[in-house]
N, C-alpha and C. Protein backbone atom coordinates (compact mmCIF):
# COMPACT_ATOMS: atom_id res chain seq x y z
N UNK A 1 0.84 -1.18 0.00
CA UNK A 1 0.00 0.00 0.00
C UNK A 1 0.89 1.25 0.00
N UNK A 2 0.61 2.17 -0.91
CA UNK A 2 1.34 3.42 -0.99
C UNK A 2 0.56 4.49 -0.26
N UNK A 3 1.23 5.19 0.60
CA UNK A 3 0.62 6.29 1.33
C UNK A 3 1.11 7.59 0.72
N UNK A 4 0.18 8.40 0.27
CA UNK A 4 0.52 9.72 -0.26
C UNK A 4 0.33 10.74 0.85
N UNK A 5 1.30 11.58 1.00
CA UNK A 5 1.22 12.64 2.00
C UNK A 5 0.77 13.91 1.27
N UNK A 6 -0.34 14.47 1.73
CA UNK A 6 -0.92 15.65 1.09
C UNK A 6 -0.62 16.88 1.94
N UNK A 7 -0.03 17.87 1.30
CA UNK A 7 0.32 19.12 1.97
C UNK A 7 -0.58 20.26 1.49
N UNK A 8 -0.88 21.17 2.41
CA UNK A 8 -1.42 22.47 2.05
C UNK A 8 -0.20 23.33 1.71
N UNK A 9 -0.41 24.50 1.16
CA UNK A 9 0.71 25.34 0.76
C UNK A 9 0.99 26.45 1.79
N UNK A 10 0.14 27.45 1.81
CA UNK A 10 0.37 28.60 2.69
C UNK A 10 0.13 28.23 4.15
N UNK A 11 1.13 28.55 4.96
CA UNK A 11 1.04 28.25 6.38
C UNK A 11 1.54 26.86 6.73
N UNK A 12 1.76 26.03 5.74
CA UNK A 12 2.28 24.68 5.95
C UNK A 12 3.68 24.54 5.38
N UNK A 13 3.83 24.92 4.13
CA UNK A 13 5.13 24.85 3.46
C UNK A 13 5.78 26.22 3.33
N UNK A 14 4.97 27.22 3.09
CA UNK A 14 5.48 28.58 2.90
C UNK A 14 4.68 29.56 3.75
N UNK A 15 5.32 30.70 4.02
CA UNK A 15 4.65 31.76 4.76
C UNK A 15 4.58 32.99 3.86
N UNK A 16 3.50 33.10 3.14
CA UNK A 16 3.31 34.30 2.32
C UNK A 16 2.43 35.32 3.05
N UNK A 17 1.96 34.96 4.25
CA UNK A 17 1.13 35.89 5.01
C UNK A 17 1.85 37.22 5.22
N UNK A 18 3.12 37.16 5.62
CA UNK A 18 3.88 38.39 5.86
C UNK A 18 4.02 39.20 4.57
N UNK A 19 4.23 38.51 3.45
CA UNK A 19 4.34 39.20 2.17
C UNK A 19 3.02 39.88 1.81
N UNK A 20 1.91 39.16 2.01
CA UNK A 20 0.60 39.73 1.71
C UNK A 20 0.28 40.92 2.60
N UNK A 21 0.60 40.82 3.88
CA UNK A 21 0.31 41.94 4.78
C UNK A 21 1.05 43.20 4.34
N UNK A 22 2.32 43.06 3.95
CA UNK A 22 3.08 44.21 3.45
C UNK A 22 2.44 44.76 2.17
N UNK A 23 2.04 43.86 1.30
CA UNK A 23 1.42 44.29 0.04
C UNK A 23 0.07 44.95 0.28
N UNK A 24 -0.68 44.46 1.24
CA UNK A 24 -1.96 45.09 1.58
C UNK A 24 -1.77 46.51 2.06
N UNK A 25 -0.77 46.74 2.90
CA UNK A 25 -0.48 48.09 3.38
C UNK A 25 -0.08 48.98 2.21
N UNK A 26 0.73 48.45 1.31
CA UNK A 26 1.17 49.20 0.13
C UNK A 26 -0.02 49.55 -0.76
N UNK A 27 -0.93 48.59 -0.96
CA UNK A 27 -2.11 48.84 -1.79
C UNK A 27 -3.00 49.90 -1.16
N UNK A 28 -3.19 49.81 0.15
CA UNK A 28 -4.01 50.81 0.84
C UNK A 28 -3.39 52.20 0.69
N UNK A 29 -2.07 52.28 0.81
CA UNK A 29 -1.39 53.57 0.66
C UNK A 29 -1.61 54.14 -0.74
N UNK A 30 -1.63 53.28 -1.75
CA UNK A 30 -1.89 53.73 -3.12
C UNK A 30 -3.28 54.38 -3.23
N UNK A 31 -4.18 53.95 -2.36
CA UNK A 31 -5.54 54.50 -2.34
C UNK A 31 -5.66 55.69 -1.38
N UNK A 32 -4.53 56.09 -0.78
CA UNK A 32 -4.55 57.21 0.14
C UNK A 32 -5.04 56.85 1.53
N UNK A 33 -5.04 55.56 1.85
CA UNK A 33 -5.52 55.09 3.15
C UNK A 33 -4.33 54.68 4.02
N UNK A 34 -4.36 55.07 5.28
CA UNK A 34 -3.32 54.64 6.21
C UNK A 34 -3.82 53.40 6.95
N UNK A 35 -3.24 52.28 6.63
CA UNK A 35 -3.58 51.02 7.29
C UNK A 35 -2.28 50.35 7.71
N UNK A 36 -2.36 49.52 8.74
CA UNK A 36 -1.19 48.78 9.20
C UNK A 36 -1.37 47.30 8.87
N UNK A 37 -0.29 46.55 9.01
CA UNK A 37 -0.39 45.10 8.80
C UNK A 37 -1.42 44.49 9.73
N UNK A 38 -1.49 44.99 10.96
CA UNK A 38 -2.48 44.47 11.92
C UNK A 38 -3.90 44.66 11.43
N UNK A 39 -4.14 45.75 10.70
CA UNK A 39 -5.48 46.00 10.17
C UNK A 39 -5.92 44.90 9.20
N UNK A 40 -4.93 44.33 8.50
CA UNK A 40 -5.25 43.34 7.47
C UNK A 40 -5.18 41.89 7.98
N UNK A 41 -4.88 41.68 9.25
CA UNK A 41 -4.83 40.32 9.79
C UNK A 41 -6.12 39.52 9.57
N UNK A 42 -7.30 40.15 9.58
CA UNK A 42 -8.52 39.37 9.32
C UNK A 42 -8.54 38.70 7.94
N UNK A 43 -7.66 39.14 7.03
CA UNK A 43 -7.60 38.52 5.71
C UNK A 43 -6.83 37.20 5.71
N UNK A 44 -6.01 36.98 6.74
CA UNK A 44 -5.21 35.76 6.80
C UNK A 44 -6.14 34.55 6.89
N UNK A 45 -6.01 33.68 5.92
CA UNK A 45 -6.85 32.48 5.87
C UNK A 45 -8.20 32.68 5.23
N UNK A 46 -8.55 33.91 4.90
CA UNK A 46 -9.84 34.19 4.26
C UNK A 46 -9.73 33.93 2.77
N UNK A 47 -10.81 33.50 2.18
CA UNK A 47 -10.86 33.27 0.74
C UNK A 47 -12.28 33.47 0.25
N UNK A 48 -12.40 33.71 -1.04
CA UNK A 48 -13.71 33.82 -1.66
C UNK A 48 -14.53 34.97 -1.12
N UNK A 49 -15.83 34.73 -0.91
CA UNK A 49 -16.74 35.80 -0.48
C UNK A 49 -16.36 36.43 0.86
N UNK A 50 -15.84 35.63 1.80
CA UNK A 50 -15.48 36.21 3.10
C UNK A 50 -14.30 37.16 2.95
N UNK A 51 -13.33 36.81 2.10
CA UNK A 51 -12.20 37.70 1.84
C UNK A 51 -12.69 38.99 1.17
N UNK A 52 -13.54 38.85 0.18
CA UNK A 52 -14.04 40.02 -0.55
C UNK A 52 -14.79 40.96 0.39
N UNK A 53 -15.56 40.42 1.32
CA UNK A 53 -16.33 41.25 2.26
C UNK A 53 -15.39 42.00 3.19
N UNK A 54 -14.37 41.32 3.72
CA UNK A 54 -13.42 41.99 4.61
C UNK A 54 -12.72 43.14 3.88
N UNK A 55 -12.29 42.87 2.65
CA UNK A 55 -11.62 43.90 1.86
C UNK A 55 -12.56 45.07 1.60
N UNK A 56 -13.78 44.77 1.18
CA UNK A 56 -14.76 45.83 0.90
C UNK A 56 -15.03 46.68 2.14
N UNK A 57 -15.13 46.03 3.29
CA UNK A 57 -15.38 46.76 4.54
C UNK A 57 -14.19 47.65 4.92
N UNK A 58 -12.99 47.21 4.59
CA UNK A 58 -11.79 47.94 5.01
C UNK A 58 -11.39 49.07 4.07
N UNK A 59 -11.58 48.85 2.77
CA UNK A 59 -11.07 49.85 1.82
C UNK A 59 -12.13 50.35 0.86
N UNK A 60 -13.33 49.81 0.95
CA UNK A 60 -14.41 50.23 0.08
C UNK A 60 -14.64 49.24 -1.05
N UNK A 61 -15.88 48.89 -1.27
CA UNK A 61 -16.23 47.90 -2.29
C UNK A 61 -15.76 48.32 -3.68
N UNK A 62 -15.77 49.62 -3.94
CA UNK A 62 -15.38 50.10 -5.28
C UNK A 62 -13.89 49.86 -5.57
N UNK A 63 -13.09 49.63 -4.54
CA UNK A 63 -11.65 49.40 -4.73
C UNK A 63 -11.24 47.95 -4.52
N UNK A 64 -12.17 47.10 -4.13
CA UNK A 64 -11.83 45.73 -3.71
C UNK A 64 -11.12 44.92 -4.81
N UNK A 65 -11.64 44.94 -6.02
CA UNK A 65 -11.04 44.14 -7.10
C UNK A 65 -9.62 44.63 -7.40
N UNK A 66 -9.45 45.95 -7.49
CA UNK A 66 -8.12 46.51 -7.73
C UNK A 66 -7.17 46.14 -6.61
N UNK A 67 -7.63 46.25 -5.36
CA UNK A 67 -6.83 45.95 -4.18
C UNK A 67 -6.31 44.52 -4.22
N UNK A 68 -7.20 43.57 -4.51
CA UNK A 68 -6.80 42.17 -4.57
C UNK A 68 -5.78 41.93 -5.68
N UNK A 69 -6.03 42.52 -6.83
CA UNK A 69 -5.12 42.34 -7.97
C UNK A 69 -3.75 42.95 -7.67
N UNK A 70 -3.72 44.16 -7.12
CA UNK A 70 -2.47 44.82 -6.77
C UNK A 70 -1.69 44.00 -5.75
N UNK A 71 -2.37 43.58 -4.67
CA UNK A 71 -1.69 42.85 -3.59
C UNK A 71 -1.11 41.53 -4.10
N UNK A 72 -1.88 40.80 -4.90
CA UNK A 72 -1.39 39.52 -5.42
C UNK A 72 -0.21 39.73 -6.36
N UNK A 73 -0.29 40.72 -7.24
CA UNK A 73 0.82 40.99 -8.15
C UNK A 73 2.08 41.39 -7.38
N UNK A 74 1.91 42.17 -6.33
CA UNK A 74 3.06 42.59 -5.53
C UNK A 74 3.68 41.40 -4.80
N UNK A 75 2.87 40.51 -4.27
CA UNK A 75 3.39 39.31 -3.60
C UNK A 75 4.14 38.44 -4.60
N UNK A 76 3.58 38.24 -5.78
CA UNK A 76 4.26 37.43 -6.81
C UNK A 76 5.58 38.07 -7.21
N UNK A 77 5.61 39.40 -7.28
CA UNK A 77 6.88 40.10 -7.57
C UNK A 77 7.91 39.84 -6.47
N UNK A 78 7.46 39.88 -5.22
CA UNK A 78 8.37 39.61 -4.10
C UNK A 78 8.91 38.18 -4.17
N UNK A 79 8.03 37.24 -4.46
CA UNK A 79 8.44 35.82 -4.55
C UNK A 79 9.45 35.64 -5.68
N UNK A 80 9.13 36.18 -6.83
CA UNK A 80 10.01 36.05 -7.98
C UNK A 80 11.31 36.81 -7.78
N UNK A 81 11.29 37.81 -6.91
CA UNK A 81 12.48 38.60 -6.61
C UNK A 81 13.36 37.99 -5.54
N UNK A 82 12.99 36.80 -5.06
CA UNK A 82 13.84 36.11 -4.10
C UNK A 82 13.47 36.25 -2.65
N UNK A 83 12.24 36.67 -2.36
CA UNK A 83 11.83 36.81 -0.96
C UNK A 83 11.98 35.47 -0.24
N UNK A 84 12.34 35.54 1.03
CA UNK A 84 12.49 34.35 1.86
C UNK A 84 11.14 34.02 2.48
N UNK A 85 10.50 32.99 1.99
CA UNK A 85 9.15 32.69 2.47
C UNK A 85 8.91 31.21 2.75
N UNK A 86 9.92 30.36 2.55
CA UNK A 86 9.78 28.93 2.86
C UNK A 86 9.90 28.78 4.37
N UNK A 87 8.98 28.04 4.97
CA UNK A 87 9.01 27.85 6.41
C UNK A 87 10.21 27.00 6.83
N UNK A 88 10.69 27.20 8.05
CA UNK A 88 11.85 26.45 8.53
C UNK A 88 11.61 24.94 8.48
N UNK A 89 12.64 24.21 8.14
CA UNK A 89 12.67 22.74 8.13
C UNK A 89 11.82 22.09 7.04
N UNK A 90 11.16 22.87 6.21
CA UNK A 90 10.35 22.28 5.15
C UNK A 90 11.22 21.56 4.12
N UNK A 91 12.26 22.23 3.67
CA UNK A 91 13.11 21.64 2.63
C UNK A 91 13.68 20.29 3.06
N UNK A 92 14.30 20.17 4.24
CA UNK A 92 14.83 18.86 4.64
C UNK A 92 13.73 17.82 4.87
N UNK A 93 12.57 18.26 5.32
CA UNK A 93 11.46 17.33 5.53
C UNK A 93 10.98 16.76 4.20
N UNK A 94 10.80 17.61 3.20
CA UNK A 94 10.38 17.13 1.89
C UNK A 94 11.43 16.20 1.30
N UNK A 95 12.70 16.55 1.46
CA UNK A 95 13.78 15.70 0.94
C UNK A 95 13.77 14.34 1.63
N UNK A 96 13.58 14.31 2.93
CA UNK A 96 13.56 13.04 3.67
C UNK A 96 12.38 12.17 3.26
N UNK A 97 11.22 12.78 3.09
CA UNK A 97 10.03 12.02 2.68
C UNK A 97 10.20 11.46 1.27
N UNK A 98 10.77 12.27 0.39
CA UNK A 98 11.00 11.81 -0.98
C UNK A 98 12.01 10.67 -1.00
N UNK A 99 13.09 10.81 -0.24
CA UNK A 99 14.11 9.76 -0.16
C UNK A 99 13.52 8.47 0.40
N UNK A 100 12.59 8.60 1.33
CA UNK A 100 11.93 7.43 1.92
C UNK A 100 10.89 6.82 0.99
N UNK A 101 10.64 7.48 -0.13
CA UNK A 101 9.73 6.91 -1.12
C UNK A 101 8.27 7.30 -0.99
N UNK A 102 7.97 8.28 -0.17
CA UNK A 102 6.59 8.71 -0.02
C UNK A 102 6.19 9.63 -1.18
N UNK A 103 5.09 9.31 -1.85
CA UNK A 103 4.57 10.26 -2.84
C UNK A 103 3.99 11.49 -2.11
N UNK A 104 4.22 12.66 -2.68
CA UNK A 104 3.75 13.90 -2.07
C UNK A 104 2.75 14.57 -3.00
N UNK A 105 1.66 15.06 -2.43
CA UNK A 105 0.64 15.77 -3.20
C UNK A 105 0.44 17.14 -2.56
N UNK A 106 -0.18 18.03 -3.32
CA UNK A 106 -0.43 19.39 -2.85
C UNK A 106 -1.89 19.72 -3.09
N UNK A 107 -2.56 20.23 -2.06
CA UNK A 107 -3.95 20.67 -2.17
C UNK A 107 -4.05 22.05 -1.52
N UNK A 108 -4.48 23.02 -2.30
CA UNK A 108 -4.55 24.39 -1.80
C UNK A 108 -5.72 25.13 -2.44
N UNK A 109 -6.26 26.10 -1.71
CA UNK A 109 -7.32 26.92 -2.28
C UNK A 109 -6.75 28.06 -3.13
N UNK A 110 -5.44 28.21 -3.14
CA UNK A 110 -4.80 29.26 -3.94
C UNK A 110 -4.99 28.99 -5.43
N UNK A 111 -5.02 30.04 -6.25
CA UNK A 111 -5.19 29.85 -7.69
C UNK A 111 -3.95 29.23 -8.33
N UNK A 112 -4.14 28.58 -9.46
CA UNK A 112 -3.07 27.85 -10.17
C UNK A 112 -1.88 28.75 -10.49
N UNK A 113 -2.11 29.94 -11.01
CA UNK A 113 -0.99 30.81 -11.38
C UNK A 113 -0.10 31.11 -10.17
N UNK A 114 -0.71 31.41 -9.05
CA UNK A 114 0.02 31.69 -7.81
C UNK A 114 0.84 30.47 -7.41
N UNK A 115 0.22 29.30 -7.44
CA UNK A 115 0.91 28.05 -7.06
C UNK A 115 2.08 27.79 -7.99
N UNK A 116 1.89 28.01 -9.27
CA UNK A 116 2.98 27.81 -10.24
C UNK A 116 4.17 28.71 -9.93
N UNK A 117 3.92 29.96 -9.56
CA UNK A 117 5.00 30.89 -9.24
C UNK A 117 5.72 30.44 -7.97
N UNK A 118 4.96 30.04 -6.96
CA UNK A 118 5.56 29.57 -5.70
C UNK A 118 6.41 28.32 -5.95
N UNK A 119 5.87 27.38 -6.70
CA UNK A 119 6.61 26.14 -6.96
C UNK A 119 7.88 26.41 -7.77
N UNK A 120 7.81 27.32 -8.72
CA UNK A 120 9.00 27.67 -9.51
C UNK A 120 10.06 28.33 -8.62
N UNK A 121 9.62 29.22 -7.73
CA UNK A 121 10.56 29.94 -6.87
C UNK A 121 11.24 29.02 -5.86
N UNK A 122 10.54 27.97 -5.45
CA UNK A 122 11.09 27.04 -4.46
C UNK A 122 11.80 25.85 -5.09
N UNK A 123 11.61 25.68 -6.41
CA UNK A 123 12.19 24.52 -7.08
C UNK A 123 11.38 23.24 -6.86
N UNK A 124 10.14 23.38 -6.46
CA UNK A 124 9.30 22.23 -6.14
C UNK A 124 8.35 21.83 -7.26
N UNK A 125 8.62 22.24 -8.50
CA UNK A 125 7.70 21.96 -9.60
C UNK A 125 7.42 20.47 -9.76
N UNK A 126 8.40 19.63 -9.49
CA UNK A 126 8.22 18.18 -9.67
C UNK A 126 8.08 17.44 -8.34
N UNK A 127 8.00 18.17 -7.25
CA UNK A 127 7.97 17.57 -5.91
C UNK A 127 6.61 16.94 -5.60
N UNK A 128 5.54 17.53 -6.14
CA UNK A 128 4.19 17.12 -5.78
C UNK A 128 3.41 16.62 -6.98
N UNK A 129 2.70 15.52 -6.77
CA UNK A 129 1.79 15.01 -7.80
C UNK A 129 0.75 14.13 -7.12
N UNK A 130 -0.50 14.47 -7.24
CA UNK A 130 -1.06 15.58 -8.02
C UNK A 130 -0.99 16.90 -7.25
N UNK A 131 -1.31 17.96 -7.99
CA UNK A 131 -1.44 19.29 -7.42
C UNK A 131 -2.86 19.74 -7.71
N UNK A 132 -3.59 20.02 -6.65
CA UNK A 132 -4.99 20.48 -6.77
C UNK A 132 -5.05 21.90 -6.23
N UNK A 133 -5.49 22.83 -7.07
CA UNK A 133 -5.57 24.23 -6.68
C UNK A 133 -7.01 24.72 -6.66
N UNK A 134 -7.20 25.90 -6.11
CA UNK A 134 -8.52 26.51 -6.13
C UNK A 134 -9.06 26.69 -7.53
N UNK A 135 -8.17 26.89 -8.49
CA UNK A 135 -8.59 27.04 -9.89
C UNK A 135 -9.14 25.75 -10.45
N UNK A 136 -8.72 24.63 -9.91
CA UNK A 136 -9.14 23.33 -10.42
C UNK A 136 -10.54 22.92 -9.95
N UNK A 137 -11.01 23.53 -8.89
CA UNK A 137 -12.29 23.10 -8.32
C UNK A 137 -13.40 24.12 -8.47
N UNK A 138 -13.14 25.20 -9.17
CA UNK A 138 -14.18 26.23 -9.32
C UNK A 138 -15.10 25.91 -10.45
């Protein structure tokens, strides 16, 4: 019997929360709003309609789509620019599991494009199979 180990991405393998919080503050500033990283903590772990509502309540519904697009693009720029976002001990753990012969899979609510950028930046493109993203289940 083969046991596949399934990982989530954010908060399990990588920490992009800090990157997103910085980007959220930057996006708010672009709108002329003074917000802190603490103001955006309610967005951590939020997705879909709940995320959209929090953003709309914080910066205005008319800016929500732009805010999300700006923040995500800024985070992807940080990742591609070499930001340190892999959680401690993840790399040796994945290597040990692979060496021991365990198949690894990835399941995340994040969109496919985001996952592809993260996997490319970490060198994990071939580490996980299958990879199920939020884009795959919508």
